[in-house]
């Protein structure tokens, strides 16, 4: 019976397991983390600038265009911006499609890193435990995307409460809410598990507490959690700051709702991801330096 229990435990890596082991583990994949963050942020920037310039989604939406709004009368915009501003709905659709793919890949890597934090034992035991933990990956992904879609409606309501148009520009506002939800909600929902309010078991209770600790109290204990929280804050702050140019009376096509909040949210997410990498790497190398100094002192004392 003891052997059966030891094999069944890793199938569900709970947040409290990670918190107990992460503080004692020196595992920090600096090279992999740096390369993945570099690729992730680069592809997000490429998606924001070049994916809306394709004609596929533009042909699907077939927006009604007003030639007078394609450029300001007193100062024509740069030709590069025309494809981005000609149809805000098409642009937001492209952004959501590209971010959907990228966040799915990023969330998978973060989930793998989160599981590795909790695993202990020999290399063979870790491999077997990791395979067991990934058995529910499809169900967890489905639940995470369901939570992301559900959160998009809540974000839509929040945007309206903060001044977004209520009766007009509904597709524009919802696509912005969907973009924010994909950026912020999916990676932690896929990695930590969605915060289930209906269930009262210990695992669901710990998951809810973990979400509250990270996104309400902003208490970060591991580099993985920092990779969740920093970009989420950056996306929210970027979206909020990006609304400011819309209120200016410059009459520029790029001021159309919600282009500036969407692009500012992606920019804030990218900058915050790089800050999370910098903070985690700095702390890791500082800990390594302190550890090496202690080892040298221990050798001298011997």
Protein backbone atom coordinates (compact mmCIF):
# COMPACT_ATOMS: atom_id res chain seq x y z
CA UNK A 1 0.00 0.00 0.00
CA UNK A 2 2.87 2.38 0.72
CA UNK A 3 4.25 1.94 -2.79
CA UNK A 4 0.90 2.67 -4.37
CA UNK A 5 0.55 5.89 -2.40
CA UNK A 6 4.01 7.11 -3.36
CA UNK A 7 3.20 6.68 -7.03
CA UNK A 8 -0.17 8.40 -6.83
CA UNK A 9 0.96 11.56 -5.04
CA UNK A 10 2.86 13.30 -7.89
CA UNK A 11 -0.18 13.13 -10.19
CA UNK A 12 -1.37 16.36 -8.65
CA UNK A 13 1.33 18.87 -7.78
CA UNK A 14 -0.28 21.17 -5.26
CA UNK A 15 0.90 24.73 -4.60
CA UNK A 16 1.75 24.00 -0.98
CA UNK A 17 4.16 21.29 -2.13
CA UNK A 18 5.97 23.78 -4.30
CA UNK A 19 6.14 26.35 -1.54
CA UNK A 20 7.67 23.84 0.88
CA UNK A 21 10.33 22.61 -1.50
CA UNK A 22 11.15 25.77 -3.43
CA UNK A 23 12.64 27.53 -0.46
CA UNK A 24 15.06 24.63 0.03
CA UNK A 25 15.76 24.04 -3.66
CA UNK A 26 18.41 25.86 -5.64
CA UNK A 27 16.75 24.98 -8.93
CA UNK A 28 16.73 28.00 -11.19
CA UNK A 29 17.05 27.29 -14.95
CA UNK A 30 18.76 30.58 -15.72
CA UNK A 31 19.85 29.69 -19.27
CA UNK A 32 16.50 28.18 -20.25
CA UNK A 33 14.53 30.92 -18.52
CA UNK A 34 16.53 33.66 -20.23
CA UNK A 35 16.19 32.08 -23.66
CA UNK A 36 12.46 31.40 -23.28
CA UNK A 37 11.73 34.91 -22.00
CA UNK A 38 13.76 36.35 -24.89
CA UNK A 39 11.85 34.33 -27.45
CA UNK A 40 8.51 35.01 -25.76
CA UNK A 41 8.94 38.78 -25.55
CA UNK A 42 10.34 38.97 -29.08
CA UNK A 43 7.41 37.04 -30.54
CA UNK A 44 4.95 39.17 -28.58
CA UNK A 45 6.51 42.29 -30.08
CA UNK A 46 6.47 40.74 -33.55
CA UNK A 47 2.81 39.75 -33.10
CA UNK A 48 1.85 43.26 -32.05
CA UNK A 49 3.62 45.01 -34.91
CA UNK A 50 3.41 42.65 -37.87
CA UNK A 51 0.59 40.13 -37.44
CA UNK A 52 -2.16 42.80 -37.85
CA UNK A 53 -0.54 43.76 -41.15
CA UNK A 54 -1.62 40.44 -42.67
CA UNK A 55 -4.79 40.38 -44.74
CA UNK A 56 -6.31 37.09 -43.51
CA UNK A 57 -8.31 38.30 -40.52
CA UNK A 58 -8.90 41.64 -42.21
CA UNK A 59 -10.66 39.88 -45.08
CA UNK A 60 -12.72 37.87 -42.59
CA UNK A 61 -14.03 40.91 -40.74
CA UNK A 62 -14.52 43.06 -43.88
CA UNK A 63 -14.91 46.31 -41.97
CA UNK A 64 -16.61 49.37 -43.40
CA UNK A 65 -13.86 51.96 -43.75
CA UNK A 66 -14.15 55.70 -43.79
CA UNK A 67 -11.39 57.13 -46.02
CA UNK A 68 -11.40 60.40 -44.07
CA UNK A 69 -10.41 58.57 -40.87
CA UNK A 70 -7.49 56.69 -42.37
CA UNK A 71 -5.16 59.60 -41.72
CA UNK A 72 -5.36 62.93 -39.93
CA UNK A 73 -5.83 65.94 -42.16
CA UNK A 74 -3.09 68.16 -40.76
CA UNK A 75 -0.43 65.48 -40.25
CA UNK A 76 -0.68 62.21 -42.21
CA UNK A 77 0.41 59.15 -40.24
CA UNK A 78 3.33 56.94 -41.16
CA UNK A 79 2.49 54.28 -43.79
CA UNK A 80 3.54 51.55 -41.34
CA UNK A 81 0.68 52.51 -39.02
CA UNK A 82 -2.03 52.44 -41.68
CA UNK A 83 -2.47 48.66 -41.57
CA UNK A 84 -2.58 48.76 -37.78
CA UNK A 85 -5.13 51.55 -37.48
CA UNK A 86 -7.34 50.98 -40.50
CA UNK A 87 -9.60 48.58 -38.57
CA UNK A 88 -9.24 48.33 -34.78
CA UNK A 89 -11.41 45.18 -34.67
CA UNK A 90 -9.20 43.36 -37.18
CA UNK A 91 -6.10 44.52 -35.32
CA UNK A 92 -7.44 43.26 -31.98
CA UNK A 93 -8.45 39.95 -33.55
CA UNK A 94 -4.93 39.46 -34.83
CA UNK A 95 -3.46 40.37 -31.46
CA UNK A 96 -5.74 37.93 -29.63
CA UNK A 97 -4.97 35.13 -32.09
CA UNK A 98 -1.21 35.61 -31.82
CA UNK A 99 -1.22 36.01 -28.05
CA UNK A 100 -3.44 32.93 -27.74
CA UNK A 101 -0.73 30.78 -29.34
CA UNK A 102 2.16 32.40 -27.50
CA UNK A 103 0.56 32.26 -24.05
CA UNK A 104 -0.36 28.63 -24.58
CA UNK A 105 3.31 27.85 -25.21
CA UNK A 106 4.48 30.10 -22.38
CA UNK A 107 2.00 28.60 -19.93
CA UNK A 108 3.22 25.09 -20.81
CA UNK A 109 6.79 26.05 -20.04
CA UNK A 110 5.81 27.73 -16.79
CA UNK A 111 3.82 24.67 -15.74
CA UNK A 112 6.83 22.45 -16.41
CA UNK A 113 9.07 24.73 -14.34
CA UNK A 114 6.50 24.83 -11.51
CA UNK A 115 6.33 21.02 -11.40
CA UNK A 116 10.12 20.70 -11.36
CA UNK A 117 10.20 22.87 -8.24
CA UNK A 118 8.07 20.31 -6.38
CA UNK A 119 9.86 17.14 -7.47
CA UNK A 120 12.37 15.47 -5.19
CA UNK A 121 14.40 12.26 -5.26
CA UNK A 122 16.59 10.70 -7.93
CA UNK A 123 16.52 11.68 -11.59
CA UNK A 124 14.53 8.58 -12.53
CA UNK A 125 12.03 9.25 -9.78
CA UNK A 126 11.66 12.86 -10.93
CA UNK A 127 11.02 11.76 -14.52
CA UNK A 128 8.36 9.27 -13.49
CA UNK A 129 6.74 11.78 -11.14
CA UNK A 130 6.74 14.44 -13.85
CA UNK A 131 5.04 12.07 -16.29
CA UNK A 132 2.42 11.30 -13.66
CA UNK A 133 1.88 15.00 -13.00
CA UNK A 134 1.36 15.67 -16.71
CA UNK A 135 -1.40 13.09 -17.11
CA UNK A 136 -4.07 15.73 -16.48
CA UNK A 137 -2.45 18.30 -18.74
CA UNK A 138 -5.25 18.28 -21.33
CA UNK A 139 -7.96 18.72 -18.68
CA UNK A 140 -5.96 21.44 -16.94
CA UNK A 141 -5.49 23.28 -20.23
CA UNK A 142 -9.20 23.08 -20.98
CA UNK A 143 -10.07 24.37 -17.52
CA UNK A 144 -7.51 27.17 -17.81
CA UNK A 145 -8.91 28.36 -21.12
CA UNK A 146 -12.42 28.16 -19.70
CA UNK A 147 -11.34 30.33 -16.80
CA UNK A 148 -9.70 32.74 -19.24
CA UNK A 149 -12.88 33.12 -21.29
CA UNK A 150 -14.97 33.55 -18.14
CA UNK A 151 -12.54 36.18 -16.83
CA UNK A 152 -12.78 38.09 -20.11
CA UNK A 153 -16.44 38.93 -19.40
CA UNK A 154 -15.51 40.16 -15.93
CA UNK A 155 -12.69 42.26 -17.40
CA UNK A 156 -15.15 43.64 -19.96
CA UNK A 157 -17.44 44.78 -17.15
CA UNK A 158 -14.48 46.36 -15.32
CA UNK A 159 -13.45 48.24 -18.47
CA UNK A 160 -16.98 49.59 -18.84
CA UNK A 161 -16.99 50.68 -15.18
CA UNK A 162 -13.71 52.50 -15.82
CA UNK A 163 -15.18 54.46 -18.71
CA UNK A 164 -15.22 52.22 -21.78
CA UNK A 165 -18.22 52.68 -24.11
CA UNK A 166 -21.25 50.79 -22.83
CA UNK A 167 -23.59 50.62 -25.81
CA UNK A 168 -21.19 51.31 -28.67
CA UNK A 169 -17.86 49.69 -29.61
CA UNK A 170 -18.86 46.49 -27.82
CA UNK A 171 -16.63 44.21 -30.00
CA UNK A 172 -13.71 46.59 -29.50
CA UNK A 173 -14.06 46.56 -25.71
CA UNK A 174 -14.56 42.81 -25.47
CA UNK A 175 -11.53 42.05 -27.63
CA UNK A 176 -9.44 44.25 -25.35
CA UNK A 177 -10.82 42.36 -22.35
CA UNK A 178 -10.06 39.04 -24.06
CA UNK A 179 -6.51 40.16 -24.82
CA UNK A 180 -5.92 41.11 -21.19
CA UNK A 181 -7.40 37.83 -19.96
CA UNK A 182 -5.18 35.76 -22.24
CA UNK A 183 -2.11 37.68 -21.15
CA UNK A 184 -2.85 37.63 -17.42
CA UNK A 185 -5.15 34.71 -16.57
CA UNK A 186 -4.12 31.71 -18.66
CA UNK A 187 -0.49 31.11 -17.54
CA UNK A 188 -1.25 31.02 -13.78
CA UNK A 189 -4.57 29.22 -14.34
CA UNK A 190 -2.81 26.48 -16.32
CA UNK A 191 0.08 26.24 -13.87
CA UNK A 192 -1.55 26.75 -10.48
CA UNK A 193 -5.02 25.57 -11.37
CA UNK A 194 -8.09 27.75 -11.69
CA UNK A 195 -9.46 29.15 -8.41
CA UNK A 196 -12.50 26.93 -7.93
CA UNK A 197 -15.04 28.51 -5.60
CA UNK A 198 -17.57 25.66 -5.69
CA UNK A 199 -15.23 23.00 -4.26
CA UNK A 200 -14.21 22.95 -0.60
CA UNK A 201 -11.47 20.31 -0.53
CA UNK A 202 -7.96 21.12 0.66
CA UNK A 203 -6.44 21.44 -2.80
CA UNK A 204 -9.07 23.93 -4.00
CA UNK A 205 -8.69 25.88 -0.76
CA UNK A 206 -4.91 26.13 -1.19
CA UNK A 207 -5.33 27.17 -4.83
CA UNK A 208 -7.64 30.00 -3.83
CA UNK A 209 -5.22 31.13 -1.14
CA UNK A 210 -2.35 31.04 -3.64
CA UNK A 211 -4.25 33.27 -6.07
CA UNK A 212 -5.10 35.69 -3.28
CA UNK A 213 -1.50 35.75 -2.07
CA UNK A 214 -0.10 36.40 -5.54
CA UNK A 215 -2.61 38.77 -7.11
CA UNK A 216 -4.15 40.49 -4.08
CA UNK A 217 -1.35 40.57 -1.53
CA UNK A 218 1.50 40.45 -4.12
CA UNK A 219 3.56 38.13 -1.90
CA UNK A 220 6.09 36.42 -4.17
CA UNK A 221 8.09 33.46 -2.90
CA UNK A 222 9.64 31.90 -6.01
CA UNK A 223 10.95 33.04 -9.42
CA UNK A 224 8.05 31.19 -11.04
CA UNK A 225 5.55 33.28 -9.12
CA UNK A 226 7.49 36.42 -10.02
CA UNK A 227 7.15 35.45 -13.70
CA UNK A 228 3.36 35.43 -13.17
CA UNK A 229 2.87 38.53 -11.07
CA UNK A 230 5.23 41.04 -12.67
CA UNK A 231 3.86 40.67 -16.23
CA UNK A 232 0.27 40.75 -14.92
CA UNK A 233 0.92 44.04 -13.16
CA UNK A 234 2.76 45.36 -16.20
CA UNK A 235 -0.15 44.54 -18.51
CA UNK A 236 -2.71 46.19 -16.23
CA UNK A 237 -0.61 49.32 -15.69
CA UNK A 238 0.23 49.51 -19.37
CA UNK A 239 -3.43 49.25 -20.35
CA UNK A 240 -4.37 51.95 -17.87
CA UNK A 241 -1.63 54.32 -19.03
CA UNK A 242 -2.45 53.56 -22.66
CA UNK A 243 -5.90 55.08 -22.27
CA UNK A 244 -4.44 58.55 -21.68
CA UNK A 245 -3.62 59.34 -25.36
CA UNK A 246 -7.22 58.66 -26.39
CA UNK A 247 -8.41 61.71 -24.43
CA UNK A 248 -6.07 64.05 -26.30
CA UNK A 249 -7.64 66.08 -29.12
CA UNK A 250 -4.97 65.28 -31.68
CA UNK A 251 -7.40 63.56 -34.07
CA UNK A 252 -4.95 60.81 -35.02
CA UNK A 253 -6.08 57.42 -36.39
CA UNK A 254 -3.98 55.53 -33.84
CA UNK A 255 -6.08 57.13 -31.08
CA UNK A 256 -9.06 54.96 -32.03
CA UNK A 257 -10.45 52.82 -29.22
CA UNK A 258 -8.88 50.51 -28.06
CA UNK A 259 -5.58 50.53 -29.96
CA UNK A 260 -3.44 52.41 -27.46
CA UNK A 261 -4.60 50.41 -24.38
CA UNK A 262 -4.05 47.12 -26.23
CA UNK A 263 -0.55 47.97 -27.42
CA UNK A 264 0.38 49.52 -24.08
CA UNK A 265 -0.79 46.35 -22.30
CA UNK A 266 1.50 44.22 -24.48
CA UNK A 267 4.36 46.66 -23.99
CA UNK A 268 3.84 46.63 -20.22
CA UNK A 269 3.74 42.84 -20.24
CA UNK A 270 7.01 42.62 -22.17
CA UNK A 271 8.82 45.14 -19.97
CA UNK A 272 7.57 43.48 -16.77
CA UNK A 273 8.66 40.05 -18.05
CA UNK A 274 12.17 41.37 -18.56
CA UNK A 275 12.09 42.96 -15.10
CA UNK A 276 11.02 39.63 -13.59
CA UNK A 277 13.92 37.92 -15.33
CA UNK A 278 16.34 40.59 -14.09
CA UNK A 279 15.07 40.44 -10.51
CA UNK A 280 15.11 36.63 -10.35
CA UNK A 281 18.56 36.39 -11.93
CA UNK A 282 19.98 39.06 -9.61
CA UNK A 283 18.62 37.32 -6.54
CA UNK A 284 19.82 33.94 -7.77
CA UNK A 285 23.38 35.11 -8.39
CA UNK A 286 23.41 36.97 -5.06
CA UNK A 287 22.37 33.78 -3.26
CA UNK A 288 25.01 31.82 -5.16
CA UNK A 289 27.66 34.34 -4.15
CA UNK A 290 26.65 34.18 -0.50
CA UNK A 291 26.65 30.39 -0.64
CA UNK A 292 30.14 30.28 -2.17
CA UNK A 293 31.47 32.71 0.45
CA UNK A 294 30.05 30.56 3.23
CA UNK A 295 31.64 27.48 1.72
CA UNK A 296 35.02 29.20 1.52
CA UNK A 297 34.77 30.26 5.18
CA UNK A 298 33.80 26.71 6.14
CA UNK A 299 36.84 25.30 4.33
CA UNK A 300 39.15 27.80 6.04
CA UNK A 301 37.76 26.88 9.45
CA UNK A 302 38.42 23.22 8.73
